[in-house]
Amino acid sequence: MTLANKVLAVNDDLPIRTDKPVHSGKVRSVYWLTEADSARLIKENGYDVPADAPLAIMVISDRISAFDCIWHGEGGMNGVPGKGAALNAISNHWFKLFKQQGLADSHILDIPHPLVWIVQKAKPVMIEAICRQYITGSMWRAYGKGEREFCGITIAEGLEKDQRLPELLMTPSTKGILKGIPGVPEADDVNITRQDIEQNYQAFNFQSKDDITLYEKLLTEGFDLITASLEKVEQIFVDTKFEFGYVNDANGEPKLIYMDEVGTPDSSRIWDAKAYSEGKVVENSKEDFRQLLLNHFPDPDILLNKERMPERQALAKDNDLPESVLMKISETYVGIAEKIIGEKITLSDNPRAEILSVLKDKYQLVD
């Protein structure tokens, strides 16, 4: 079995029974189940949702994106071995911990396979909820150019790169292109202030103004909980992106939940604490891959300059990355996942066949 066969690169062509188009993102694909299959699974498995709640199968791939492009390697390696399983395992761990600690539920109802979730349809809050405990990355680059105000918050002079901030900063941005909000450009991923959200809470899909405070509470409590857990395995939670949405509970009442993924190397920066104490930054997240790409190509401005997007897309399409680069990233993802969950991640020999087998035999979702 070659390494390429252990990678699930394409995840939007599985013969899962659906009557809607498959939604395929950078990493995950979503198969909306038929009304009949949703109702049957809710009844058979006792999911704590309304009897008519729409359900979906969410399949994570091993694809890797960075700088808004999908990258591939030599020898037909169209992803990173173990990446999908590592991401799901980490998210599962944090979602479970959040629920146990009384923070909030997630959209996940069932985990049929390490690469698969059964989820309840949620109405997303149109905010990328970003929290920062250290000044690094894009924030440091902006700070270095003289910016001192971020999302309506003024930060101190004299900060140094990778320094811990005096307090946790919430720097939200738009999720998708939102139209008709005064002072908010109609573009994806635009920084916004708390005032923007308060004055236009319905445009961001909040059901009430009070829920802004609730989302901030869930964001900071979730961040603090992950921070404390990572400290036990000598890791630093640097910054992260959370996403929230609304679902109805079994009584039909709306509730705010965590969704998408949480506390993963894709959505967060995680640093090795021992190295940091010695003045070095060792990344245990996708930032490691970004740095490898910046060092790999002779003109890193192509990757950093949004105006050179066509060149960047050509770079990703036309270059097979060395297998050693993808295997280093595999070690990063699997390694941090095993630290977090406290057990080994077992890589599938044939993930596609395993997924179809369980969805057919246990859930009757494959004809």
Protein backbone atom coordinates (compact mmCIF):
# COMPACT_ATOMS: atom_id res chain seq x y z
CA MET A 1 0.00 0.00 0.00
CA THR A 2 1.61 3.28 -1.13
CA LEU A 3 1.47 6.44 0.92
CA ALA A 4 -0.67 8.08 -1.79
CA ASN A 5 -3.36 5.41 -1.25
CA LYS A 6 -3.53 6.22 2.47
CA VAL A 7 -4.45 9.82 1.67
CA LEU A 8 -8.10 10.78 1.17
CA ALA A 9 -7.67 13.61 -1.32
CA VAL A 10 -11.06 13.60 -3.07
CA ASN A 11 -14.06 13.51 -0.75
CA ASP A 12 -16.91 14.99 -2.80
CA ASP A 13 -17.61 11.99 -5.04
CA LEU A 14 -18.68 9.34 -2.50
CA PRO A 15 -21.92 7.50 -3.41
CA ILE A 16 -23.74 8.69 -0.26
CA ARG A 17 -27.49 8.98 -0.83
CA THR A 18 -28.44 12.64 -1.16
CA ASP A 19 -30.93 14.72 -3.15
CA LYS A 20 -28.92 17.96 -2.95
CA PRO A 21 -25.58 19.08 -4.44
CA VAL A 22 -22.51 18.10 -2.41
CA HIS A 23 -20.93 21.16 -0.78
CA SER A 24 -17.14 20.92 -0.97
CA GLY A 25 -14.89 23.29 0.98
CA LYS A 26 -11.10 23.46 1.13
CA VAL A 27 -10.93 20.42 3.41
CA ARG A 28 -14.44 19.09 4.19
CA SER A 29 -17.32 17.95 1.97
CA VAL A 30 -20.93 17.97 3.16
CA TYR A 31 -23.61 15.54 1.96
CA TRP A 32 -27.12 16.64 2.96
CA LEU A 33 -29.22 13.58 3.72
CA THR A 34 -32.75 13.10 2.43
CA GLU A 35 -35.59 13.99 4.79
CA ALA A 36 -36.39 10.28 5.11
CA ASP A 37 -32.81 9.30 6.00
CA SER A 38 -32.46 12.20 8.46
CA ALA A 39 -35.68 11.22 10.26
CA ARG A 40 -34.68 7.53 10.29
CA LEU A 41 -31.23 8.19 11.79
CA ILE A 42 -32.68 10.51 14.45
CA LYS A 43 -35.17 7.83 15.47
CA GLU A 44 -32.77 4.87 15.28
CA ASN A 45 -29.93 6.58 17.17
CA GLY A 46 -31.88 8.76 19.60
CA TYR A 47 -30.14 12.00 18.59
CA ASP A 48 -31.18 14.90 20.83
CA VAL A 49 -32.63 17.00 18.00
CA PRO A 50 -36.11 17.71 16.57
CA ALA A 51 -37.56 14.72 14.70
CA ASP A 52 -37.48 16.66 11.42
CA ALA A 53 -33.99 18.20 11.81
CA PRO A 54 -31.92 18.15 8.59
CA LEU A 55 -28.75 16.06 8.99
CA ALA A 56 -25.60 15.80 6.91
CA ILE A 57 -22.59 13.56 6.53
CA MET A 58 -19.40 15.62 6.76
CA VAL A 59 -16.28 13.96 5.34
CA ILE A 60 -12.87 15.46 6.02
CA SER A 61 -10.06 15.00 3.52
CA ASP A 62 -6.29 14.96 3.92
CA ARG A 63 -5.93 17.90 1.52
CA ILE A 64 -3.82 20.78 2.72
CA SER A 65 -4.49 24.40 1.90
CA ALA A 66 -2.34 27.42 2.66
CA PHE A 67 -2.40 30.95 1.31
CA ASP A 68 -5.86 30.16 -0.15
CA CYS A 69 -4.52 27.39 -2.40
CA ILE A 70 -4.59 23.57 -2.29
CA TRP A 71 -1.11 21.99 -2.45
CA HIS A 72 0.05 18.55 -3.58
CA GLY A 73 3.20 16.45 -3.55
CA GLU A 74 5.24 14.18 -5.74
CA GLY A 75 4.27 10.55 -6.30
CA GLY A 76 0.55 11.34 -6.46
CA MET A 77 0.40 12.49 -2.83
CA ASN A 78 -2.52 14.90 -3.01
CA GLY A 79 -2.61 15.50 0.71
CA VAL A 80 -0.95 14.85 4.06
CA PRO A 81 -1.19 11.32 5.55
CA GLY A 82 -3.15 11.40 8.82
CA LYS A 83 -4.08 15.07 8.59
CA GLY A 84 -7.85 14.57 8.38
CA ALA A 85 -7.95 12.02 11.19
CA ALA A 86 -5.77 14.30 13.36
CA LEU A 87 -8.01 17.34 12.79
CA ASN A 88 -11.20 15.43 13.54
CA ALA A 89 -9.72 13.77 16.63
CA ILE A 90 -8.63 17.14 18.06
CA SER A 91 -11.98 18.81 17.35
CA ASN A 92 -13.85 15.84 18.83
CA HIS A 93 -11.71 16.11 21.97
CA TRP A 94 -12.35 19.83 22.49
CA PHE A 95 -16.07 19.69 21.61
CA LYS A 96 -16.53 16.90 24.14
CA LEU A 97 -14.61 18.85 26.80
CA PHE A 98 -16.67 22.01 26.14
CA LYS A 99 -19.89 20.05 26.60
CA GLN A 100 -18.62 18.33 29.77
CA GLN A 101 -17.65 21.72 31.23
CA GLY A 102 -21.09 23.16 30.47
CA LEU A 103 -20.00 25.67 27.80
CA ALA A 104 -22.08 24.72 24.75
CA ASP A 105 -22.88 21.86 22.39
CA SER A 106 -21.45 21.39 18.90
CA HIS A 107 -23.11 20.43 15.60
CA ILE A 108 -21.70 16.86 15.82
CA LEU A 109 -24.22 14.11 16.61
CA ASP A 110 -22.22 10.99 15.75
CA ILE A 111 -18.71 9.90 14.64
CA PRO A 112 -19.03 6.83 12.35
CA HIS A 113 -15.36 6.88 11.26
CA PRO A 114 -12.24 8.94 12.12
CA LEU A 115 -12.79 10.98 8.95
CA VAL A 116 -16.60 11.32 9.22
CA TRP A 117 -19.11 13.28 11.30
CA ILE A 118 -22.89 13.14 11.27
CA VAL A 119 -23.97 16.72 11.93
CA GLN A 120 -27.12 18.70 12.53
CA LYS A 121 -27.74 21.59 10.14
CA ALA A 122 -26.83 24.88 11.81
CA LYS A 123 -27.47 28.49 10.83
CA PRO A 124 -23.98 30.00 11.00
CA VAL A 125 -23.14 33.25 12.71
CA MET A 126 -21.36 35.16 9.93
CA ILE A 127 -18.28 35.91 12.00
CA GLU A 128 -14.83 34.35 12.11
CA ALA A 129 -14.38 34.59 15.88
CA ILE A 130 -10.64 35.13 16.28
CA CYS A 131 -8.82 35.25 19.64
CA ARG A 132 -5.17 36.20 20.11
CA GLN A 133 -2.98 35.73 23.18
CA TYR A 134 0.33 36.56 21.44
CA ILE A 135 1.30 39.09 18.78
CA THR A 136 2.50 37.21 15.71
CA GLY A 137 1.60 36.50 12.08
CA SER A 138 -0.55 39.04 10.22
CA MET A 139 -1.11 41.08 13.39
CA TRP A 140 2.61 41.46 13.94
CA ARG A 141 3.14 42.41 10.28
CA ALA A 142 0.48 45.15 10.61
CA TYR A 143 1.94 46.27 13.96
CA GLY A 144 5.37 46.49 12.37
CA LYS A 145 3.92 48.87 9.75
CA GLY A 146 2.66 51.15 12.51
CA GLU A 147 -0.92 49.93 13.04
CA ARG A 148 -2.02 50.14 16.66
CA GLU A 149 -5.79 49.68 16.35
CA PHE A 150 -7.20 46.22 15.67
CA CYS A 151 -10.96 45.70 15.38
CA GLY A 152 -11.58 48.87 17.38
CA ILE A 153 -9.09 47.95 20.13
CA THR A 154 -5.94 50.06 20.63
CA ILE A 155 -2.89 48.10 21.72
CA ALA A 156 0.27 49.29 23.43
CA GLU A 157 3.49 50.61 21.91
CA GLY A 158 6.76 48.75 22.32
CA LEU A 159 5.55 45.18 21.80
CA GLU A 160 8.00 42.65 20.40
CA LYS A 161 7.39 39.86 17.89
CA ASP A 162 5.81 36.71 19.39
CA GLN A 163 5.33 38.45 22.76
CA ARG A 164 2.40 37.46 25.02
CA LEU A 165 -0.25 40.19 24.98
CA PRO A 166 -1.34 41.81 28.26
CA GLU A 167 -4.85 40.37 27.73
CA LEU A 168 -6.69 38.09 25.35
CA LEU A 169 -7.69 40.03 22.23
CA MET A 170 -10.87 39.33 20.24
CA THR A 171 -10.32 40.39 16.62
CA PRO A 172 -13.37 39.18 14.67
CA SER A 173 -13.70 39.28 10.89
CA THR A 174 -16.52 38.63 8.44
CA LYS A 175 -17.35 35.10 7.33
CA GLY A 176 -18.20 35.35 3.65
CA ILE A 177 -19.23 38.53 1.81
CA LEU A 178 -21.84 40.48 3.77
CA LYS A 179 -23.74 43.22 1.99
CA GLY A 180 -25.40 46.38 3.19
CA ILE A 181 -23.59 46.76 6.54
CA PRO A 182 -22.51 50.41 7.02
CA GLY A 183 -18.74 50.78 7.27
CA VAL A 184 -18.06 47.08 6.51
CA PRO A 185 -16.56 46.46 3.04
CA GLU A 186 -18.34 43.84 0.92
CA ALA A 187 -15.45 41.36 0.96
CA ASP A 188 -14.62 38.10 2.72
CA ASP A 189 -12.51 38.13 5.87
CA VAL A 190 -12.77 41.85 6.70
CA ASN A 191 -11.90 42.95 10.24
CA ILE A 192 -14.90 44.25 12.21
CA THR A 193 -15.45 45.89 15.59
CA ARG A 194 -17.78 44.96 18.41
CA GLN A 195 -19.72 48.12 17.56
CA ASP A 196 -20.21 46.87 13.98
CA ILE A 197 -21.66 43.65 15.38
CA GLU A 198 -23.89 45.37 17.96
CA GLN A 199 -25.34 47.82 15.47
CA ASN A 200 -25.98 45.15 12.82
CA TYR A 201 -26.39 41.97 14.88
CA GLN A 202 -29.17 40.58 12.67
CA ALA A 203 -27.01 40.94 9.54
CA PHE A 204 -24.45 38.70 11.27
CA ASN A 205 -27.25 36.16 12.02
CA PHE A 206 -27.37 36.76 15.79
CA GLN A 207 -30.88 36.13 17.07
CA SER A 208 -30.57 38.76 19.81
CA LYS A 209 -28.14 41.42 20.96
CA ASP A 210 -27.60 39.44 24.19
CA ASP A 211 -26.15 36.58 22.13
CA ILE A 212 -23.15 38.79 21.25
CA THR A 213 -22.13 38.63 24.91
CA LEU A 214 -22.81 34.88 24.94
CA TYR A 215 -20.62 34.27 21.87
CA GLU A 216 -17.80 36.29 23.48
CA LYS A 217 -18.21 34.27 26.69
CA LEU A 218 -18.08 30.95 24.79
CA LEU A 219 -15.08 32.20 22.83
CA THR A 220 -13.02 33.25 25.84
CA GLU A 221 -14.04 30.28 28.03
CA GLY A 222 -13.27 27.88 25.19
CA PHE A 223 -9.92 29.57 24.60
CA ASP A 224 -9.05 29.44 28.31
CA LEU A 225 -10.04 25.78 28.59
CA ILE A 226 -7.87 24.78 25.62
CA THR A 227 -5.00 26.94 26.94
CA ALA A 228 -5.08 25.18 30.31
CA SER A 229 -5.25 21.72 28.69
CA LEU A 230 -2.36 22.43 26.32
CA GLU A 231 -0.20 23.71 29.18
CA LYS A 232 -0.37 20.20 30.67
CA VAL A 233 1.33 18.81 27.53
CA GLU A 234 3.85 21.70 27.34
CA GLN A 235 2.17 23.52 24.47
CA ILE A 236 1.09 27.16 24.11
CA PHE A 237 -2.27 28.14 22.62
CA VAL A 238 -1.26 31.25 20.65
CA ASP A 239 -4.34 32.22 18.66
CA THR A 240 -7.36 30.58 17.11
CA LYS A 241 -10.54 30.93 15.09
CA PHE A 242 -13.85 29.64 16.42
CA GLU A 243 -17.14 29.50 14.53
CA PHE A 244 -20.63 29.56 15.97
CA GLY A 245 -24.14 28.81 14.76
CA TYR A 246 -27.68 28.12 15.86
CA VAL A 247 -29.48 24.79 15.96
CA ASN A 248 -32.79 23.79 17.49
CA ASP A 249 -32.82 21.44 20.46
CA ALA A 250 -35.23 18.49 20.74
CA ASN A 251 -37.97 20.91 21.91
CA GLY A 252 -37.47 23.17 18.92
CA GLU A 253 -35.75 25.92 20.93
CA PRO A 254 -32.78 27.67 19.27
CA LYS A 255 -29.39 27.45 20.97
CA LEU A 256 -25.97 28.85 20.14
CA ILE A 257 -23.36 26.15 19.53
CA TYR A 258 -19.74 25.69 18.46
CA MET A 259 -19.41 24.49 14.86
CA ASP A 260 -16.93 23.77 12.07
CA GLU A 261 -13.73 22.78 13.92
CA VAL A 262 -12.07 24.03 17.06
CA GLY A 263 -8.54 24.22 18.50
CA THR A 264 -6.94 22.40 15.56
CA PRO A 265 -3.57 23.01 13.87
CA ASP A 266 -5.56 24.31 10.85
CA SER A 267 -7.54 26.92 12.80
CA SER A 268 -4.99 27.79 15.48
CA ARG A 269 -1.34 28.46 16.19
CA ILE A 270 0.18 26.12 18.76
CA TRP A 271 3.77 26.53 19.97
CA ASP A 272 6.07 24.24 21.89
CA ALA A 273 6.35 25.73 25.40
CA LYS A 274 9.89 24.52 26.16
CA ALA A 275 11.28 25.98 22.95
CA TYR A 276 9.44 29.27 23.58
CA SER A 277 10.96 29.51 27.07
CA GLU A 278 14.36 29.28 25.34
CA GLY A 279 13.51 32.11 22.96
CA LYS A 280 12.59 29.96 19.94
CA VAL A 281 9.26 29.41 18.18
CA VAL A 282 8.53 25.80 17.19
CA GLU A 283 5.19 25.56 15.38
CA ASN A 284 2.85 22.62 15.94
CA SER A 285 0.27 23.91 13.48
CA LYS A 286 -0.28 24.77 9.84
CA GLU A 287 1.96 27.80 10.30
CA ASP A 288 4.83 25.31 10.04
CA PHE A 289 3.64 24.44 6.50
CA ARG A 290 3.28 28.12 5.59
CA GLN A 291 6.86 28.75 6.68
CA LEU A 292 8.08 25.74 4.68
CA LEU A 293 6.36 27.15 1.57
CA LEU A 294 7.80 30.63 2.14
CA ASN A 295 11.28 29.09 2.40
CA HIS A 296 10.73 26.65 -0.51
CA PHE A 297 9.92 29.17 -3.23
CA PRO A 298 12.39 31.87 -4.33
CA ASP A 299 9.79 34.69 -4.39
CA PRO A 300 7.74 34.50 -1.17
CA ASP A 301 5.89 37.73 -2.10
CA ILE A 302 3.73 35.62 -4.45
CA LEU A 303 2.37 33.84 -1.37
CA LEU A 304 1.93 36.99 0.74
CA ASN A 305 0.61 39.45 -1.84
CA LYS A 306 -3.12 39.05 -2.55
CA GLU A 307 -2.72 40.99 -5.79
CA ARG A 308 -0.56 38.15 -7.17
CA MET A 309 -3.25 35.50 -6.70
CA PRO A 310 -3.10 34.14 -10.31
CA GLU A 311 0.65 33.54 -9.93
CA ARG A 312 0.07 31.91 -6.54
CA GLN A 313 -2.59 29.56 -7.95
CA ALA A 314 -0.23 28.59 -10.79
CA LEU A 315 2.53 27.94 -8.24
CA ALA A 316 0.28 25.55 -6.29
CA LYS A 317 -1.00 23.82 -9.43
CA ASP A 318 2.33 23.38 -11.21
CA ASN A 319 4.61 22.34 -8.34
CA ASP A 320 4.84 18.87 -6.79
CA LEU A 321 6.12 19.47 -3.27
CA PRO A 322 8.79 17.01 -2.07
CA GLU A 323 7.40 14.02 -0.18
CA SER A 324 9.66 15.00 2.74
CA VAL A 325 7.75 18.31 3.12
CA LEU A 326 4.36 16.57 3.31
CA MET A 327 5.69 13.93 5.71
CA LYS A 328 7.09 16.61 8.01
CA ILE A 329 3.63 18.20 8.11
CA SER A 330 2.12 14.76 8.74
CA GLU A 331 4.41 14.37 11.77
CA THR A 332 3.37 17.82 13.01
CA TYR A 333 -0.39 17.14 12.73
CA VAL A 334 -0.36 13.56 14.01
CA GLY A 335 2.15 14.44 16.74
CA ILE A 336 0.13 17.32 18.20
CA ALA A 337 -3.11 15.31 17.92
CA GLU A 338 -1.60 12.44 19.91
CA LYS A 339 -0.36 14.86 22.59
CA ILE A 340 -3.82 16.44 22.89
CA ILE A 341 -5.97 13.29 22.92
CA GLY A 342 -3.44 11.15 24.79
CA GLU A 343 -3.57 8.19 22.42
CA LYS A 344 -2.20 7.03 19.06
CA ILE A 345 -3.75 8.04 15.74
CA THR A 346 -4.07 4.99 13.50
CA LEU A 347 -3.86 5.75 9.78
CA SER A 348 -6.33 4.00 7.48
CA ASP A 349 -4.87 1.83 4.73
CA ASN A 350 -7.86 2.58 2.49
CA PRO A 351 -9.94 5.39 4.03
CA ARG A 352 -12.42 5.60 1.16
CA ALA A 353 -13.35 1.91 1.34
CA GLU A 354 -13.64 2.04 5.15
CA ILE A 355 -15.96 5.08 5.06
CA LEU A 356 -18.26 3.52 2.47
CA SER A 357 -18.36 0.24 4.37
CA VAL A 358 -19.48 1.80 7.67
CA LEU A 359 -21.98 4.17 6.04
CA LYS A 360 -23.50 1.26 4.13
CA ASP A 361 -23.53 -1.44 6.82
CA LYS A 362 -24.34 0.57 9.96
CA TYR A 363 -26.27 3.57 8.60
CA GLN A 364 -27.72 2.30 5.27
CA LEU A 365 -26.70 5.50 3.48
CA VAL A 366 -24.97 3.93 0.48
CA ASP A 367 -27.07 2.14 -2.15
